[in-house]
Amino acid sequence: MASILSGSWRDDSPAPEFSAGGLERVLSLLTGSGAGALAWWKIRRSDLAESAPACALRQAYHRQTLQHALQERDIEYVFRLLRSRGVEPILLKGWAAAGLYPERGLRQPGDIDLCVRPEQYEKAVAVPWEPGRKGKGAVDLTHDPTYLLGGGSWDDLYARSRLVALNDTWVRVLGREDQLRFLCVHLLKHSAYRPLWLCDVAAALEAACDGFDWQLTLGGDACERNWVACVLDLARRLLGARLDNVPEEVSAFRAPEWLFSEVLNQWERPCTDQHRPHELMSVSLRRSSRALPALAARWPDPIRASVGLGLPFDEKPRLTRQLRFYLTQSADFLKRSPWRPR
């Protein structure tokens, strides 16, 4: 997976160094994780473009291109409607991240992820969507502002944001520095299980031009700086991202080896399995046959545990923090959702 996606976000992506057999072995993982179009982009000018697995990758590329065209109408609609109610949103991922690639169809579209000022949040969630539209299920406004702001204020975040033309609408997206920091932290908060997210980081990293404020991207908090530096090191070592014009703090940083192994372990599992919602714990605990499997299914991986506890990635024992996070989550569940076992 890492070899196939290495440099795939570039217009001049490197020649593939793998066989059709290798492509076939990870075909379902590529298409299932939303990275199929990027794999096609990398092999499109090589002999592999005529291989059997290439057909599925090309179809993923065409499908995502159409999906982006359809979603653009929804994004315009959402921005116009929110602005008519006095709400100015910022688009975080999806279409905004797709702008980092040579073509937007290379990046799988998802929900319309937005952030708004806290005082405008209630207005935003109360907006009545038209029948027939995707509606509130496709608009996600629930994002932790801690890592969006980077130690600054909402005024600072909006001042650094950019307006990007989308047909007749100006779409507000994060500034370059904020975007790279957000992509790094978002990847870790979700255990880095989609390789596409690391490609987003690599593309944003290589898009950093002269005048890029690295201190703003790294943030003022020591733990957050560790997280961002770890993800940039992942992008460099796993996907061959170029670290041109980066500060020495980033270029000399090395993430712990277990983090690389854990990320690759995440990539080996189909995204559909990891994204499948669990049965409510309050329901599982009422059935003895379901209780233990439900408890086991919620055991956190070390990436999620570290981020959940606000700890840096280092060589300290991971099992301890996994257990601590598991117990913390369990205690929180018991406090807010009392249950009655049969």
Protein backbone atom coordinates (compact mmCIF):
# COMPACT_ATOMS: atom_id res chain seq x y z
CA MET A 1 0.00 0.00 0.00
CA ALA A 2 2.73 2.46 0.97
CA SER A 3 4.76 1.68 -2.16
CA ILE A 4 1.75 2.04 -4.43
CA LEU A 5 0.67 5.38 -2.94
CA SER A 6 4.16 6.85 -2.63
CA GLY A 7 4.18 10.17 -4.51
CA SER A 8 0.76 9.43 -6.01
CA TRP A 9 -0.56 12.95 -5.25
CA ARG A 10 1.95 14.60 -7.61
CA ASP A 11 1.24 15.53 -11.20
CA ASP A 12 4.53 13.84 -12.09
CA SER A 13 4.07 10.84 -9.81
CA PRO A 14 7.05 8.43 -9.84
CA ALA A 15 7.07 5.31 -11.95
CA PRO A 16 5.55 2.33 -10.13
CA GLU A 17 7.95 -0.18 -8.58
CA PHE A 18 5.48 -3.01 -8.07
CA SER A 19 3.82 -5.69 -10.17
CA ALA A 20 0.26 -6.28 -11.30
CA GLY A 21 0.15 -9.10 -8.75
CA GLY A 22 1.02 -6.73 -5.94
CA LEU A 23 -1.64 -4.33 -7.13
CA GLU A 24 -4.20 -7.14 -7.21
CA ARG A 25 -3.41 -8.19 -3.64
CA VAL A 26 -4.33 -4.79 -2.19
CA LEU A 27 -6.97 -3.79 -4.73
CA SER A 28 -9.90 -4.11 -2.30
CA LEU A 29 -7.99 -2.17 0.38
CA LEU A 30 -7.20 0.63 -2.08
CA THR A 31 -10.75 1.01 -3.38
CA GLY A 32 -12.34 0.47 0.03
CA SER A 33 -10.21 3.17 1.67
CA GLY A 34 -10.83 5.77 -1.02
CA ALA A 35 -7.27 5.60 -2.38
CA GLY A 36 -8.12 3.76 -5.61
CA ALA A 37 -8.13 6.89 -7.77
CA LEU A 38 -4.67 7.87 -6.49
CA ALA A 39 -3.35 4.41 -7.34
CA TRP A 40 -4.76 4.82 -10.87
CA TRP A 41 -3.12 8.24 -11.18
CA LYS A 42 0.24 6.69 -10.39
CA ILE A 43 0.01 3.83 -12.90
CA ARG A 44 -1.91 5.63 -15.65
CA ARG A 45 1.17 6.13 -17.86
CA SER A 46 2.81 2.79 -17.11
CA ASP A 47 2.39 -0.72 -18.50
CA LEU A 48 0.25 -1.52 -15.44
CA ALA A 49 -2.51 0.71 -16.85
CA GLU A 50 -3.58 -2.22 -19.05
CA SER A 51 -3.62 -4.77 -16.23
CA ALA A 52 -6.82 -6.29 -14.81
CA PRO A 53 -6.78 -4.45 -11.44
CA ALA A 54 -6.22 -1.15 -13.23
CA CYS A 55 -9.77 -1.31 -14.60
CA ALA A 56 -11.25 -1.12 -11.08
CA LEU A 57 -8.88 1.71 -10.15
CA ARG A 58 -9.81 3.68 -13.27
CA GLN A 59 -13.49 3.24 -12.46
CA ALA A 60 -12.84 4.57 -8.93
CA TYR A 61 -11.19 7.63 -10.48
CA HIS A 62 -14.12 8.26 -12.84
CA ARG A 63 -16.67 7.67 -10.07
CA GLN A 64 -14.97 10.11 -7.69
CA THR A 65 -14.75 12.75 -10.43
CA LEU A 66 -18.52 12.51 -10.90
CA GLN A 67 -19.12 12.50 -7.14
CA HIS A 68 -17.15 15.72 -6.77
CA ALA A 69 -19.17 17.39 -9.52
CA LEU A 70 -22.38 16.42 -7.73
CA GLN A 71 -21.12 17.45 -4.31
CA GLU A 72 -20.05 20.86 -5.54
CA ARG A 73 -23.71 21.77 -5.98
CA ASP A 74 -24.40 20.72 -2.40
CA ILE A 75 -21.46 22.75 -1.09
CA GLU A 76 -22.69 25.85 -2.92
CA TYR A 77 -26.19 25.28 -1.54
CA VAL A 78 -24.94 24.83 2.04
CA PHE A 79 -22.78 27.97 1.93
CA ARG A 80 -25.55 30.10 0.44
CA LEU A 81 -28.10 28.85 2.95
CA LEU A 82 -25.85 29.30 6.00
CA ARG A 83 -24.80 32.77 4.89
CA SER A 84 -28.45 33.75 4.43
CA ARG A 85 -28.86 32.98 8.15
CA GLY A 86 -25.86 35.08 9.14
CA VAL A 87 -23.45 32.12 9.53
CA GLU A 88 -20.02 32.13 7.87
CA PRO A 89 -18.64 28.55 7.74
CA ILE A 90 -15.18 27.20 6.94
CA LEU A 91 -14.92 24.01 4.88
CA LEU A 92 -12.35 21.71 6.50
CA LYS A 93 -11.75 18.55 4.46
CA GLY A 94 -13.28 16.83 1.43
CA TRP A 95 -13.51 19.36 -1.39
CA ALA A 96 -11.02 21.64 0.39
CA ALA A 97 -8.43 18.85 0.69
CA ALA A 98 -9.10 17.80 -2.92
CA GLY A 99 -7.71 21.17 -4.00
CA LEU A 100 -4.25 19.92 -2.96
CA TYR A 101 -4.25 17.38 -5.82
CA PRO A 102 -3.72 17.84 -9.57
CA GLU A 103 -7.40 16.91 -10.05
CA ARG A 104 -10.15 16.97 -7.44
CA GLY A 105 -11.36 13.53 -8.53
CA LEU A 106 -8.21 12.00 -7.05
CA ARG A 107 -9.50 12.66 -3.55
CA GLN A 108 -12.58 10.76 -2.38
CA PRO A 109 -15.35 13.18 -1.35
CA GLY A 110 -16.99 12.63 2.00
CA ASP A 111 -19.31 14.60 4.24
CA ILE A 112 -19.31 18.39 4.10
CA ASP A 113 -17.15 19.06 7.18
CA LEU A 114 -17.58 22.60 8.45
CA CYS A 115 -16.62 24.69 11.44
CA VAL A 116 -18.38 27.85 12.56
CA ARG A 117 -17.84 30.34 15.34
CA PRO A 118 -19.23 29.11 18.68
CA GLU A 119 -21.79 31.92 18.84
CA GLN A 120 -23.11 30.87 15.40
CA TYR A 121 -23.29 27.14 16.11
CA GLU A 122 -26.93 27.05 17.25
CA LYS A 123 -27.98 29.01 14.18
CA ALA A 124 -26.10 26.58 11.96
CA VAL A 125 -27.60 23.39 13.39
CA ALA A 126 -31.09 24.93 13.23
CA VAL A 127 -30.94 25.60 9.48
CA PRO A 128 -33.87 23.86 7.71
CA TRP A 129 -32.57 21.86 4.76
CA GLU A 130 -34.73 21.50 1.67
CA PRO A 131 -36.45 18.13 1.03
CA GLY A 132 -34.47 16.06 -1.43
CA ARG A 133 -31.14 17.47 -0.34
CA LYS A 134 -28.64 15.34 1.53
CA GLY A 135 -29.44 17.48 4.55
CA LYS A 136 -27.88 17.47 7.98
CA GLY A 137 -26.58 13.90 7.65
CA ALA A 138 -24.04 15.13 5.07
CA VAL A 139 -23.03 18.27 6.99
CA ASP A 140 -20.75 17.71 9.96
CA LEU A 141 -20.34 20.66 12.32
CA THR A 142 -18.92 18.72 15.29
CA HIS A 143 -15.18 19.39 15.34
CA ASP A 144 -12.97 19.99 18.36
CA PRO A 145 -11.91 23.66 18.19
CA THR A 146 -8.78 23.01 20.27
CA TYR A 147 -6.77 21.72 17.32
CA LEU A 148 -8.41 24.02 14.80
CA LEU A 149 -7.32 27.16 16.60
CA GLY A 150 -3.76 26.09 17.35
CA GLY A 151 -3.66 28.13 20.54
CA GLY A 152 -5.11 31.22 18.83
CA SER A 153 -8.59 32.69 18.59
CA TRP A 154 -11.52 32.32 16.21
CA ASP A 155 -10.75 35.79 14.84
CA ASP A 156 -7.21 34.63 14.03
CA LEU A 157 -8.51 31.45 12.34
CA TYR A 158 -10.90 33.43 10.12
CA ALA A 159 -8.27 36.03 9.33
CA ARG A 160 -5.94 33.31 8.05
CA SER A 161 -8.67 31.50 6.09
CA ARG A 162 -8.89 31.67 2.30
CA LEU A 163 -11.77 32.18 -0.15
CA VAL A 164 -11.75 29.74 -3.07
CA ALA A 165 -14.00 30.15 -6.09
CA LEU A 166 -16.54 27.40 -6.72
CA ASN A 167 -18.61 28.35 -9.77
CA ASP A 168 -20.54 31.43 -8.57
CA THR A 169 -19.82 30.89 -4.87
CA TRP A 170 -16.81 31.79 -2.75
CA VAL A 171 -16.05 28.91 -0.40
CA ARG A 172 -14.07 29.68 2.74
CA VAL A 173 -11.35 27.12 3.57
CA LEU A 174 -8.60 26.96 6.18
CA GLY A 175 -5.34 28.81 5.70
CA ARG A 176 -2.45 26.62 4.54
CA GLU A 177 -0.84 26.38 7.98
CA ASP A 178 -4.10 25.62 9.75
CA GLN A 179 -5.05 23.09 7.10
CA LEU A 180 -1.85 21.08 7.50
CA ARG A 181 -2.13 21.06 11.30
CA PHE A 182 -5.79 20.02 11.15
CA LEU A 183 -5.08 17.20 8.67
CA CYS A 184 -2.32 15.84 10.93
CA VAL A 185 -4.39 15.87 14.11
CA HIS A 186 -7.52 14.54 12.39
CA LEU A 187 -5.51 11.58 11.08
CA LEU A 188 -4.28 10.69 14.57
CA LYS A 189 -7.66 11.15 16.24
CA HIS A 190 -9.00 8.51 13.87
CA SER A 191 -6.06 6.11 14.33
CA ALA A 192 -4.70 6.86 10.83
CA TYR A 193 -6.76 4.01 9.43
CA ARG A 194 -7.23 5.60 5.97
CA PRO A 195 -4.05 5.89 3.87
CA LEU A 196 -5.84 8.65 1.95
CA TRP A 197 -5.50 10.92 4.98
CA LEU A 198 -1.71 10.55 4.99
CA CYS A 199 -1.72 11.39 1.25
CA ASP A 200 -3.65 14.57 2.16
CA VAL A 201 -0.90 15.44 4.64
CA ALA A 202 1.84 14.72 2.10
CA ALA A 203 0.15 16.86 -0.54
CA ALA A 204 -0.35 19.73 1.94
CA LEU A 205 3.25 19.40 3.11
CA GLU A 206 4.63 19.68 -0.42
CA ALA A 207 2.30 22.61 -1.15
CA ALA A 208 3.96 24.64 1.63
CA CYS A 209 5.70 27.48 -0.20
CA ASP A 210 7.99 30.33 0.78
CA GLY A 211 6.59 32.31 3.67
CA PHE A 212 4.87 29.30 5.19
CA ASP A 213 4.64 29.81 8.96
CA TRP A 214 5.82 26.50 10.39
CA GLN A 215 5.50 27.65 13.97
CA LEU A 216 1.81 28.25 13.36
CA THR A 217 1.40 24.73 11.95
CA LEU A 218 3.30 23.09 14.79
CA GLY A 219 1.38 25.02 17.45
CA GLY A 220 2.52 26.24 20.83
CA ASP A 221 1.64 23.12 22.82
CA ALA A 222 4.49 20.60 23.17
CA CYS A 223 2.21 17.60 22.76
CA GLU A 224 0.58 19.01 19.64
CA ARG A 225 4.00 19.75 18.14
CA ASN A 226 4.93 16.12 18.77
CA TRP A 227 1.77 14.91 17.03
CA VAL A 228 2.27 17.09 13.95
CA ALA A 229 5.95 16.19 13.67
CA CYS A 230 5.11 12.47 13.98
CA VAL A 231 2.59 12.63 11.13
CA LEU A 232 5.01 14.53 8.91
CA ASP A 233 7.62 11.87 9.60
CA LEU A 234 5.05 9.20 8.70
CA ALA A 235 4.40 10.98 5.39
CA ARG A 236 8.13 11.16 4.69
CA ARG A 237 9.03 7.58 5.56
CA LEU A 238 5.93 5.76 4.35
CA LEU A 239 4.96 7.81 1.30
CA GLY A 240 8.17 9.57 0.32
CA ALA A 241 6.88 13.10 1.00
CA ARG A 242 9.48 15.78 0.42
CA LEU A 243 10.53 17.85 3.41
CA ASP A 244 11.78 20.89 1.51
CA ASN A 245 12.18 24.16 3.40
CA VAL A 246 10.99 22.71 6.69
CA PRO A 247 12.53 23.73 10.03
CA GLU A 248 15.15 21.47 11.57
CA GLU A 249 12.72 20.55 14.32
CA VAL A 250 10.66 18.76 11.66
CA SER A 251 13.40 17.41 9.39
CA ALA A 252 15.41 15.95 12.29
CA PHE A 253 12.42 14.52 14.14
CA ARG A 254 11.88 10.75 14.19
CA ALA A 255 8.60 9.18 15.26
CA PRO A 256 8.76 6.01 17.38
CA GLU A 257 9.00 2.81 15.34
CA TRP A 258 5.87 1.33 16.86
CA LEU A 259 3.82 4.13 15.33
CA PHE A 260 4.83 3.07 11.81
CA SER A 261 3.95 -0.55 12.54
CA GLU A 262 0.58 0.44 14.00
CA VAL A 263 -0.31 2.60 11.00
CA LEU A 264 0.53 -0.23 8.61
CA ASN A 265 -1.54 -2.60 10.74
CA GLN A 266 -4.45 -0.19 10.41
CA TRP A 267 -4.05 -0.12 6.63
CA GLU A 268 -4.16 -3.92 6.43
CA ARG A 269 -7.74 -3.97 7.71
CA PRO A 270 -10.65 -3.05 5.43
CA CYS A 271 -12.01 0.41 6.22
CA THR A 272 -15.55 -0.98 6.15
CA ASP A 273 -14.74 -3.16 9.18
CA GLN A 274 -13.27 -0.26 11.14
CA HIS A 275 -16.04 2.17 10.28
CA ARG A 276 -18.92 -0.19 11.11
CA PRO A 277 -20.87 1.28 14.07
CA HIS A 278 -20.96 -0.71 17.29
CA GLU A 279 -24.16 -1.79 18.97
CA LEU A 280 -24.96 0.57 21.83
CA MET A 281 -23.04 -0.51 24.91
CA SER A 282 -26.15 -0.10 27.05
CA VAL A 283 -27.81 -2.73 24.85
CA SER A 284 -24.86 -5.13 24.75
CA LEU A 285 -24.45 -5.18 28.51
CA ARG A 286 -27.99 -6.46 28.95
CA ARG A 287 -27.09 -9.70 27.16
CA SER A 288 -24.41 -11.91 28.67
CA SER A 289 -23.54 -13.38 25.26
CA ARG A 290 -22.84 -9.92 23.83
CA ALA A 291 -21.16 -8.23 26.77
CA LEU A 292 -17.65 -9.64 26.43
CA PRO A 293 -17.45 -9.23 22.62
CA ALA A 294 -18.69 -5.66 23.01
CA LEU A 295 -16.10 -4.89 25.68
CA ALA A 296 -13.33 -6.43 23.55
CA ALA A 297 -14.41 -4.53 20.43
CA ARG A 298 -13.89 -1.24 22.23
CA TRP A 299 -10.30 -1.92 23.27
CA PRO A 300 -8.40 1.13 21.93
CA ASP A 301 -5.38 0.98 19.68
CA PRO A 302 -2.30 2.85 21.01
CA ILE A 303 -2.77 5.77 18.59
CA ARG A 304 -6.30 6.48 19.74
CA ALA A 305 -5.35 5.98 23.39
CA SER A 306 -2.43 8.42 23.16
CA VAL A 307 -4.50 11.14 21.51
CA GLY A 308 -7.46 10.54 23.81
CA LEU A 309 -5.23 11.03 26.85
CA GLY A 310 -3.38 13.98 25.34
CA LEU A 311 -0.01 12.22 25.46
CA PRO A 312 2.92 12.54 23.03
CA PHE A 313 4.07 9.61 20.92
CA ASP A 314 7.22 8.19 22.49
CA GLU A 315 8.83 4.89 23.42
CA LYS A 316 7.02 4.52 26.75
CA PRO A 317 4.93 1.33 27.22
CA ARG A 318 1.78 1.55 25.13
CA LEU A 319 -0.26 -1.04 27.01
CA THR A 320 -0.38 1.19 30.08
CA ARG A 321 -1.93 4.11 28.22
CA GLN A 322 -4.34 1.81 26.37
CA LEU A 323 -5.58 0.40 29.67
CA ARG A 324 -5.79 3.85 31.23
CA PHE A 325 -7.80 5.21 28.30
CA TYR A 326 -10.08 2.16 28.31
CA LEU A 327 -10.83 2.56 32.00
CA THR A 328 -11.38 6.30 31.62
CA GLN A 329 -13.86 5.76 28.79
CA SER A 330 -15.63 3.03 30.74
CA ALA A 331 -15.96 5.25 33.80
CA ASP A 332 -17.37 8.09 31.68
CA PHE A 333 -19.90 5.70 30.15
CA LEU A 334 -21.07 4.46 33.54
CA LYS A 335 -21.47 8.01 34.83
CA ARG A 336 -23.64 9.26 32.00
CA SER A 337 -25.53 6.06 31.05
CA PRO A 338 -26.57 3.98 34.05
CA TRP A 339 -27.69 0.51 32.95
CA ARG A 340 -29.59 -2.34 34.55
CA PRO A 341 -28.21 -5.83 33.75
CA ARG A 342 -30.68 -8.66 33.62
